[in-house]
């Protein structure tokens, strides 16, 4: 680091010699701690400081947000090193993101901001009608939350904005876990969310993450299209993701399995709101245990879906995560009736599509079945993928006919 840039009074951080600056110039959004000269002054920068990133020859690369506490020491927030990060700057990005979502969806229920791909690194905003929930998972955004709030209220016109401070990402940035209502009043009941003909209930104050997972929307729809008259098992169902979509698609029945009683209660309320409670049931428990028990009972279904949490959230957990995915596939396979459909999903950043698919096929094979892969699904378009950042393509959904 060192001296301020001649172009401004901002601090400057510099890439180490022989670090490839082209990668960042060509769109990669991060610089890691081992790529940056981390002298005493750099280490002393407050988390969230805006700085100019330069290459080893002192040529400017981008405007970055610095966090010396994180392995991702610099996040690119603007290619213009002269940019001013203020409320208007946030409003420009929010306006662009909103325009895309309004082209994609006819109702205001979607992910509005998907971090780096929408120009707000580490920031997630999900919209539930007049209520928005944000996860500012990077220090630069957390320290500018008032600017984000003011811009969001102005651009979107939301009546309520909730900050959700849960999750591993904030811990990695050295941030607290204190959630708050930033604008308006928190809803006193779960919100009804229409999606794929189903009705979901989102607990935006006490549920997982923002209260609902919008990313599986296209995969829910694909499953629903194949679910007519089917007996459906939805494992790791949360608030009924695939199960309620299948009921909307005409499934004969849906059994949702989850470890969380509150999540299953919301799933049941969603089924009732759809008038499908007579075709809906739940079973609370550890997913591995329930799959084993259903196998012992000789249960079979026309469609089995397993959508677990991230078993491999980072590279150190990759091998254990792949073994867990293989085990899920092995336990779920015997529950699929001949000619039925098995859907296996992963939201693990560290497990790419090839390795995840290999683990699934191995598990199916160990269970003695022959799979045909009929469809591979990914996150919906409100979760845009940054091509230069492989981690942004985290969601995979594999549809097998057995």
Protein backbone atom coordinates (compact mmCIF):
# COMPACT_ATOMS: atom_id res chain seq x y z
CA UNK A 1 0.00 0.00 0.00
CA UNK A 2 1.29 2.89 0.65
CA UNK A 3 0.87 6.32 -0.50
CA UNK A 4 -2.47 7.72 -1.60
CA UNK A 5 -3.18 7.77 -5.32
CA UNK A 6 -2.30 10.94 -7.18
CA UNK A 7 -5.85 10.90 -8.59
CA UNK A 8 -7.52 11.09 -5.18
CA UNK A 9 -6.88 10.92 -1.49
CA UNK A 10 -7.91 7.27 -1.42
CA UNK A 11 -5.46 4.70 -0.11
CA UNK A 12 -3.78 2.46 -2.65
CA UNK A 13 -3.13 -1.25 -2.47
CA UNK A 14 -0.85 -2.94 -4.93
CA UNK A 15 -0.58 -6.41 -6.40
CA UNK A 16 2.56 -8.34 -5.64
CA UNK A 17 5.17 -8.67 -8.39
CA UNK A 18 4.37 -11.41 -10.91
CA UNK A 19 0.69 -11.49 -9.90
CA UNK A 20 -1.40 -11.66 -13.06
CA UNK A 21 -3.32 -8.38 -13.16
CA UNK A 22 -5.00 -9.36 -16.44
CA UNK A 23 -7.32 -11.72 -14.62
CA UNK A 24 -8.84 -8.85 -12.65
CA UNK A 25 -8.79 -6.48 -15.63
CA UNK A 26 -10.73 -9.12 -17.57
CA UNK A 27 -13.48 -9.37 -14.98
CA UNK A 28 -12.40 -11.52 -12.03
CA UNK A 29 -13.86 -9.65 -9.04
CA UNK A 30 -11.46 -10.50 -6.21
CA UNK A 31 -7.86 -10.16 -5.11
CA UNK A 32 -6.69 -12.58 -2.46
CA UNK A 33 -4.51 -11.68 0.52
CA UNK A 34 -1.53 -13.60 -0.90
CA UNK A 35 -1.75 -11.55 -4.13
CA UNK A 36 -1.54 -8.14 -2.48
CA UNK A 37 1.36 -6.34 -0.82
CA UNK A 38 0.16 -6.43 2.79
CA UNK A 39 2.44 -4.01 4.59
CA UNK A 40 1.70 -2.42 7.94
CA UNK A 41 -0.47 0.33 6.49
CA UNK A 42 -2.55 -2.07 4.43
CA UNK A 43 -3.16 -4.25 7.45
CA UNK A 44 -4.24 -1.18 9.40
CA UNK A 45 -7.02 -0.27 6.96
CA UNK A 46 -10.47 -0.51 8.49
CA UNK A 47 -12.57 -3.35 7.04
CA UNK A 48 -14.68 -1.91 4.24
CA UNK A 49 -12.24 0.83 3.23
CA UNK A 50 -12.52 1.88 -0.41
CA UNK A 51 -9.12 1.90 -2.12
CA UNK A 52 -7.50 1.98 -5.53
CA UNK A 53 -6.01 -1.31 -6.68
CA UNK A 54 -2.87 -1.00 -8.79
CA UNK A 55 -0.69 -3.50 -10.56
CA UNK A 56 2.97 -3.93 -9.70
CA UNK A 57 3.84 -1.08 -12.08
CA UNK A 58 1.47 1.29 -10.24
CA UNK A 59 -1.06 1.34 -13.08
CA UNK A 60 -4.65 1.57 -11.76
CA UNK A 61 -6.85 -1.50 -12.16
CA UNK A 62 -10.08 -0.87 -10.29
CA UNK A 63 -11.77 0.62 -7.26
CA UNK A 64 -11.90 -2.03 -4.55
CA UNK A 65 -13.29 -2.59 -1.08
CA UNK A 66 -10.58 -3.77 1.29
CA UNK A 67 -10.91 -6.08 4.26
CA UNK A 68 -7.55 -7.07 5.82
CA UNK A 69 -9.41 -9.62 7.98
CA UNK A 70 -10.57 -11.65 4.98
CA UNK A 71 -8.76 -14.00 2.62
CA UNK A 72 -10.55 -12.01 -0.09
CA UNK A 73 -8.70 -8.83 0.80
CA UNK A 74 -10.09 -6.78 -2.10
CA UNK A 75 -13.42 -6.91 -3.90
CA UNK A 76 -13.83 -4.97 -7.13
CA UNK A 77 -16.72 -2.56 -6.80
CA UNK A 78 -16.12 -0.28 -9.80
CA UNK A 79 -13.85 -0.30 -12.83
CA UNK A 80 -13.75 3.49 -12.64
CA UNK A 81 -11.17 4.40 -10.01
CA UNK A 82 -12.66 7.90 -9.87
CA UNK A 83 -16.13 6.66 -8.88
CA UNK A 84 -17.76 7.96 -5.72
CA UNK A 85 -19.53 5.31 -3.68
CA UNK A 86 -22.56 7.11 -2.31
CA UNK A 87 -26.33 6.67 -2.26
CA UNK A 88 -26.60 7.59 -5.94
CA UNK A 89 -23.98 4.97 -6.79
CA UNK A 90 -26.04 2.31 -5.03
CA UNK A 91 -29.20 3.57 -6.74
CA UNK A 92 -27.64 3.13 -10.19
CA UNK A 93 -26.91 -0.53 -9.55
CA UNK A 94 -30.27 -1.18 -7.95
CA UNK A 95 -32.06 0.45 -10.88
CA UNK A 96 -30.20 -1.75 -13.36
CA UNK A 97 -30.93 -4.90 -11.35
CA UNK A 98 -34.60 -4.01 -10.95
CA UNK A 99 -35.00 -3.43 -14.70
CA UNK A 100 -33.75 -6.96 -15.39
CA UNK A 101 -36.08 -8.57 -12.83
CA UNK A 102 -39.08 -6.67 -14.13
CA UNK A 103 -38.34 -8.10 -17.58
CA UNK A 104 -38.05 -11.61 -16.15
CA UNK A 105 -41.01 -11.76 -13.75
CA UNK A 106 -44.58 -10.50 -13.67
CA UNK A 107 -44.76 -10.35 -9.88
CA UNK A 108 -42.33 -8.74 -7.37
CA UNK A 109 -40.99 -11.94 -5.83
CA UNK A 110 -37.38 -12.64 -6.76
CA UNK A 111 -33.72 -12.13 -5.92
CA UNK A 112 -33.14 -8.47 -6.66
CA UNK A 113 -29.39 -8.37 -6.02
CA UNK A 114 -27.11 -11.36 -6.49
CA UNK A 115 -23.79 -10.05 -5.23
CA UNK A 116 -20.91 -9.69 -7.71
CA UNK A 117 -23.03 -10.43 -10.78
CA UNK A 118 -25.20 -7.39 -9.98
CA UNK A 119 -22.29 -5.11 -9.15
CA UNK A 120 -22.66 -5.26 -5.35
CA UNK A 121 -20.05 -7.77 -4.13
CA UNK A 122 -21.13 -9.82 -1.15
CA UNK A 123 -24.64 -8.31 -1.08
CA UNK A 124 -27.82 -10.32 -1.43
CA UNK A 125 -31.30 -8.78 -1.57
CA UNK A 126 -34.46 -10.86 -1.92
CA UNK A 127 -37.77 -9.16 -2.64
CA UNK A 128 -41.09 -10.32 -1.26
CA UNK A 129 -43.55 -7.79 -2.65
CA UNK A 130 -43.27 -4.66 -0.50
CA UNK A 131 -40.75 -6.30 1.83
CA UNK A 132 -37.06 -6.74 1.06
CA UNK A 133 -34.49 -8.75 2.99
CA UNK A 134 -30.80 -8.04 2.59
CA UNK A 135 -27.71 -9.95 3.61
CA UNK A 136 -24.74 -7.55 3.50
CA UNK A 137 -22.11 -10.25 3.70
CA UNK A 138 -19.10 -8.02 3.01
CA UNK A 139 -17.65 -5.35 5.29
CA UNK A 140 -17.79 -2.57 2.71
CA UNK A 141 -21.56 -2.96 2.33
CA UNK A 142 -22.19 -3.46 6.03
CA UNK A 143 -20.49 -0.17 6.84
CA UNK A 144 -22.56 1.59 4.15
CA UNK A 145 -25.86 -0.03 5.00
CA UNK A 146 -27.60 3.34 5.40
CA UNK A 147 -26.70 4.28 1.82
CA UNK A 148 -27.96 0.92 0.58
CA UNK A 149 -31.17 1.32 2.58
CA UNK A 150 -31.89 4.82 1.29
CA UNK A 151 -31.22 3.83 -2.32
CA UNK A 152 -33.34 0.70 -2.05
CA UNK A 153 -36.32 2.52 -0.56
CA UNK A 154 -36.06 5.16 -3.28
CA UNK A 155 -35.60 2.78 -6.24
CA UNK A 156 -37.87 -0.10 -5.24
CA UNK A 157 -40.31 1.70 -2.98
CA UNK A 158 -40.34 -1.12 -0.44
CA UNK A 159 -42.22 -0.53 2.79
CA UNK A 160 -39.96 -2.77 4.86
CA UNK A 161 -36.26 -3.61 4.73
CA UNK A 162 -34.83 -6.29 6.99
CA UNK A 163 -31.14 -6.98 7.50
CA UNK A 164 -30.38 -10.66 7.97
CA UNK A 165 -26.98 -11.05 9.60
CA UNK A 166 -26.86 -14.84 9.85
CA UNK A 167 -24.55 -17.06 7.88
CA UNK A 168 -20.98 -18.20 7.49
CA UNK A 169 -20.03 -15.47 5.01
CA UNK A 170 -20.34 -12.65 7.54
CA UNK A 171 -18.22 -14.55 10.02
CA UNK A 172 -15.47 -14.87 7.40
CA UNK A 173 -15.57 -11.07 7.00
CA UNK A 174 -15.31 -10.47 10.74
CA UNK A 175 -18.87 -9.11 10.93
CA UNK A 176 -21.46 -9.48 13.67
CA UNK A 177 -24.59 -11.66 13.57
CA UNK A 178 -27.05 -8.97 14.69
CA UNK A 179 -30.09 -8.76 12.43
CA UNK A 180 -32.27 -5.65 12.36
CA UNK A 181 -35.20 -3.88 10.75
CA UNK A 182 -33.65 -1.09 8.71
CA UNK A 183 -36.85 0.47 7.40
CA UNK A 184 -40.54 0.13 8.18
CA UNK A 185 -41.98 -2.56 10.41
CA UNK A 186 -41.24 -6.26 10.33
CA UNK A 187 -44.24 -8.39 9.28
CA UNK A 188 -45.97 -10.13 12.17
CA UNK A 189 -46.67 -13.29 10.16
CA UNK A 190 -45.03 -15.27 7.35
CA UNK A 191 -45.44 -13.76 3.89
CA UNK A 192 -47.36 -15.55 1.12
CA UNK A 193 -45.18 -15.95 -1.95
CA UNK A 194 -46.66 -17.19 -5.27
CA UNK A 195 -44.26 -19.18 -7.42
CA UNK A 196 -44.82 -21.79 -10.16
CA UNK A 197 -48.51 -21.97 -9.28
CA UNK A 198 -47.73 -22.88 -5.67
CA UNK A 199 -48.03 -20.76 -2.54
CA UNK A 200 -45.05 -20.61 -0.20
CA UNK A 201 -44.83 -19.03 3.22
CA UNK A 202 -41.64 -17.13 3.95
CA UNK A 203 -40.59 -16.32 7.48
CA UNK A 204 -38.43 -13.30 6.70
CA UNK A 205 -37.47 -12.64 10.32
CA UNK A 206 -36.88 -16.10 11.79
CA UNK A 207 -36.41 -18.44 8.83
CA UNK A 208 -33.28 -19.65 7.06
CA UNK A 209 -31.33 -16.91 5.33
CA UNK A 210 -33.84 -14.51 3.76
CA UNK A 211 -36.81 -16.82 4.40
CA UNK A 212 -37.16 -18.51 1.00
CA UNK A 213 -34.91 -19.89 -1.71
CA UNK A 214 -35.76 -18.34 -5.05
CA UNK A 215 -32.83 -19.98 -6.85
CA UNK A 216 -34.57 -23.32 -7.43
CA UNK A 217 -37.55 -21.74 -9.22
CA UNK A 218 -36.83 -23.16 -12.72
CA UNK A 219 -36.00 -26.60 -11.27
CA UNK A 220 -39.22 -26.58 -9.25
CA UNK A 221 -41.04 -25.82 -12.50
CA UNK A 222 -39.34 -28.66 -14.38
CA UNK A 223 -40.24 -31.08 -11.60
CA UNK A 224 -43.82 -29.81 -11.50
CA UNK A 225 -44.19 -30.48 -15.22
CA UNK A 226 -43.32 -34.14 -14.62
CA UNK A 227 -45.35 -34.55 -11.44
CA UNK A 228 -48.90 -35.08 -12.65
CA UNK A 229 -50.46 -38.01 -10.76
CA UNK A 230 -47.08 -38.82 -9.21
CA UNK A 231 -46.32 -39.78 -5.62
CA UNK A 232 -43.59 -37.32 -4.66
CA UNK A 233 -41.00 -37.40 -1.88
CA UNK A 234 -39.26 -34.07 -1.18
CA UNK A 235 -36.25 -34.50 1.15
CA UNK A 236 -34.57 -31.46 2.73
CA UNK A 237 -37.77 -29.69 1.75
CA UNK A 238 -37.37 -26.53 3.86
CA UNK A 239 -40.77 -24.78 3.45
CA UNK A 240 -41.94 -27.21 0.77
CA UNK A 241 -39.88 -26.16 -2.27
CA UNK A 242 -40.24 -29.05 -4.68
CA UNK A 243 -43.17 -30.69 -2.89
CA UNK A 244 -45.55 -27.74 -3.18
CA UNK A 245 -44.50 -27.13 -6.79
CA UNK A 246 -45.28 -30.79 -7.54
CA UNK A 247 -48.72 -30.43 -5.95
CA UNK A 248 -49.35 -27.37 -8.12
CA UNK A 249 -48.38 -29.53 -11.10
CA UNK A 250 -51.01 -32.14 -10.22
CA UNK A 251 -49.08 -34.62 -8.07
CA UNK A 252 -51.19 -37.28 -6.38
CA UNK A 253 -49.34 -36.73 -3.12
CA UNK A 254 -46.29 -35.04 -1.65
CA UNK A 255 -44.37 -36.05 1.45
CA UNK A 256 -41.97 -33.37 2.69
CA UNK A 257 -39.05 -34.32 4.93
CA UNK A 258 -36.96 -31.84 6.90
CA UNK A 259 -35.19 -31.56 10.21
CA UNK A 260 -36.92 -28.29 11.06
CA UNK A 261 -40.42 -28.45 12.55
CA UNK A 262 -41.06 -24.72 11.90
CA UNK A 263 -40.12 -25.15 8.22
CA UNK A 264 -42.47 -28.11 7.84
CA UNK A 265 -45.23 -26.15 9.55
CA UNK A 266 -44.80 -23.40 6.96
CA UNK A 267 -44.89 -26.03 4.21
CA UNK A 268 -48.17 -27.31 5.61
CA UNK A 269 -49.59 -23.80 5.69
CA UNK A 270 -48.56 -23.37 2.07
CA UNK A 271 -50.30 -26.59 1.07
CA UNK A 272 -53.44 -25.41 2.88
CA UNK A 273 -53.30 -22.03 1.15
CA UNK A 274 -53.27 -23.92 -2.15
CA UNK A 275 -56.17 -26.15 -1.12
CA UNK A 276 -53.86 -29.16 -1.39
CA UNK A 277 -53.64 -30.18 2.26
CA UNK A 278 -55.37 -33.50 1.57
CA UNK A 279 -52.53 -34.52 -0.74
CA UNK A 280 -49.76 -33.31 1.56
CA UNK A 281 -47.89 -34.83 4.49
CA UNK A 282 -44.67 -34.21 6.41
CA UNK A 283 -42.09 -36.22 8.27
CA UNK A 284 -39.62 -34.52 10.57
CA UNK A 285 -36.19 -35.98 11.15
CA UNK A 286 -32.63 -36.32 9.97
CA UNK A 287 -32.78 -36.85 6.22
CA UNK A 288 -30.34 -39.77 6.19
CA UNK A 289 -32.30 -41.49 8.95
CA UNK A 290 -35.64 -40.90 7.24
CA UNK A 291 -34.37 -42.18 3.89
CA UNK A 292 -33.07 -45.29 5.62
CA UNK A 293 -36.35 -45.81 7.46
CA UNK A 294 -38.42 -45.36 4.29
CA UNK A 295 -36.22 -47.95 2.59
CA UNK A 296 -36.73 -50.37 5.45
CA UNK A 297 -40.47 -49.79 5.17
CA UNK A 298 -40.40 -50.67 1.47
CA UNK A 299 -41.83 -47.27 0.48
CA UNK A 300 -41.63 -46.19 -3.15
CA UNK A 301 -42.40 -42.96 -4.98
CA UNK A 302 -42.70 -41.88 -8.58
CA UNK A 303 -40.45 -38.88 -7.95
CA UNK A 304 -37.84 -38.43 -5.23
CA UNK A 305 -36.08 -35.11 -4.78
CA UNK A 306 -33.12 -34.46 -2.48
CA UNK A 307 -32.08 -30.81 -2.12
CA UNK A 308 -29.64 -30.74 0.81
CA UNK A 309 -27.71 -27.81 2.26
CA UNK A 310 -24.15 -27.34 1.07
CA UNK A 311 -22.20 -30.45 2.00
CA UNK A 312 -19.04 -28.91 0.48
CA UNK A 313 -19.20 -25.17 1.20
CA UNK A 314 -15.43 -24.80 0.74
CA UNK A 315 -12.54 -26.79 -0.71
CA UNK A 316 -11.42 -28.37 2.59
CA UNK A 317 -14.85 -30.01 2.86
CA UNK A 318 -14.97 -31.20 -0.75
CA UNK A 319 -14.12 -34.89 -0.36
CA UNK A 320 -16.39 -35.35 2.66
CA UNK A 321 -19.12 -33.46 0.82
CA UNK A 322 -18.86 -35.67 -2.26
CA UNK A 323 -19.14 -38.76 -0.07
CA UNK A 324 -22.29 -37.29 1.49
CA UNK A 325 -23.82 -36.65 -1.94
CA UNK A 326 -23.00 -40.20 -2.96
CA UNK A 327 -24.63 -41.54 0.19
CA UNK A 328 -27.78 -39.48 -0.41
CA UNK A 329 -28.02 -40.90 -3.94
CA UNK A 330 -27.50 -44.46 -2.67
CA UNK A 331 -30.21 -44.13 -0.01
CA UNK A 332 -32.71 -42.33 -2.25
CA UNK A 333 -32.39 -44.62 -5.28
CA UNK A 334 -34.25 -47.67 -3.84
CA UNK A 335 -37.21 -45.41 -3.07
CA UNK A 336 -37.76 -44.58 -6.74
CA UNK A 337 -40.32 -46.78 -8.48
CA UNK A 338 -39.27 -48.38 -11.79
CA UNK A 339 -39.32 -45.71 -14.48
CA UNK A 340 -39.49 -43.01 -11.83
CA UNK A 341 -37.52 -39.79 -11.46
CA UNK A 342 -34.71 -39.05 -9.02
CA UNK A 343 -33.68 -35.39 -8.59
CA UNK A 344 -30.41 -34.69 -6.82
CA UNK A 345 -29.29 -31.14 -6.06
CA UNK A 346 -26.19 -29.40 -4.78
CA UNK A 347 -25.65 -25.80 -3.70
CA UNK A 348 -21.99 -26.39 -2.85
CA UNK A 349 -19.57 -23.86 -4.30
CA UNK A 350 -16.65 -26.27 -4.04
CA UNK A 351 -18.28 -29.22 -5.84
CA UNK A 352 -18.38 -28.45 -9.54
CA UNK A 353 -20.93 -30.03 -11.84
CA UNK A 354 -18.66 -32.84 -13.04
CA UNK A 355 -17.63 -34.01 -9.59
CA UNK A 356 -21.14 -33.70 -8.21
CA UNK A 357 -22.59 -35.69 -11.12
CA UNK A 358 -19.92 -38.37 -10.70
CA UNK A 359 -20.74 -38.74 -7.00
CA UNK A 360 -24.46 -39.04 -7.75
CA UNK A 361 -24.01 -41.61 -10.49
CA UNK A 362 -21.71 -43.64 -8.25
CA UNK A 363 -24.34 -43.64 -5.50
CA UNK A 364 -27.10 -44.69 -7.89
CA UNK A 365 -24.88 -47.45 -9.25
CA UNK A 366 -24.07 -48.71 -5.76
CA UNK A 367 -27.81 -49.01 -5.20
CA UNK A 368 -28.05 -51.28 -8.24
CA UNK A 369 -29.95 -49.01 -10.64
CA UNK A 370 -29.19 -47.74 -14.14
CA UNK A 371 -29.71 -43.96 -14.49
CA UNK A 372 -30.39 -41.86 -17.56
CA UNK A 373 -29.72 -38.15 -17.08
CA UNK A 374 -32.64 -36.33 -18.65
CA UNK A 375 -32.09 -32.76 -17.48
CA UNK A 376 -29.51 -30.57 -15.76
CA UNK A 377 -30.82 -27.46 -14.07
CA UNK A 378 -29.16 -24.42 -12.57
CA UNK A 379 -30.19 -21.32 -10.64
CA UNK A 380 -32.79 -19.01 -12.13
CA UNK A 381 -31.97 -15.84 -14.07
CA UNK A 382 -32.48 -13.67 -11.00
CA UNK A 383 -29.31 -15.39 -9.74
CA UNK A 384 -27.03 -14.37 -12.63
CA UNK A 385 -23.70 -16.13 -12.98
CA UNK A 386 -20.53 -14.10 -13.28
CA UNK A 387 -18.62 -16.02 -15.96
CA UNK A 388 -15.22 -15.15 -14.51
CA UNK A 389 -16.22 -16.43 -11.06
CA UNK A 390 -16.87 -20.16 -11.08
CA UNK A 391 -18.24 -20.00 -7.52
CA UNK A 392 -21.26 -18.01 -8.71
CA UNK A 393 -22.48 -21.11 -10.59
CA UNK A 394 -23.08 -22.92 -7.33
CA UNK A 395 -26.48 -24.57 -7.90
CA UNK A 396 -26.85 -27.85 -9.78
CA UNK A 397 -29.97 -30.02 -10.16
CA UNK A 398 -29.72 -33.41 -11.88
CA UNK A 399 -32.88 -35.16 -13.07
CA UNK A 400 -32.42 -38.91 -13.61
CA UNK A 401 -34.87 -41.48 -14.92
CA UNK A 402 -34.18 -44.79 -13.21
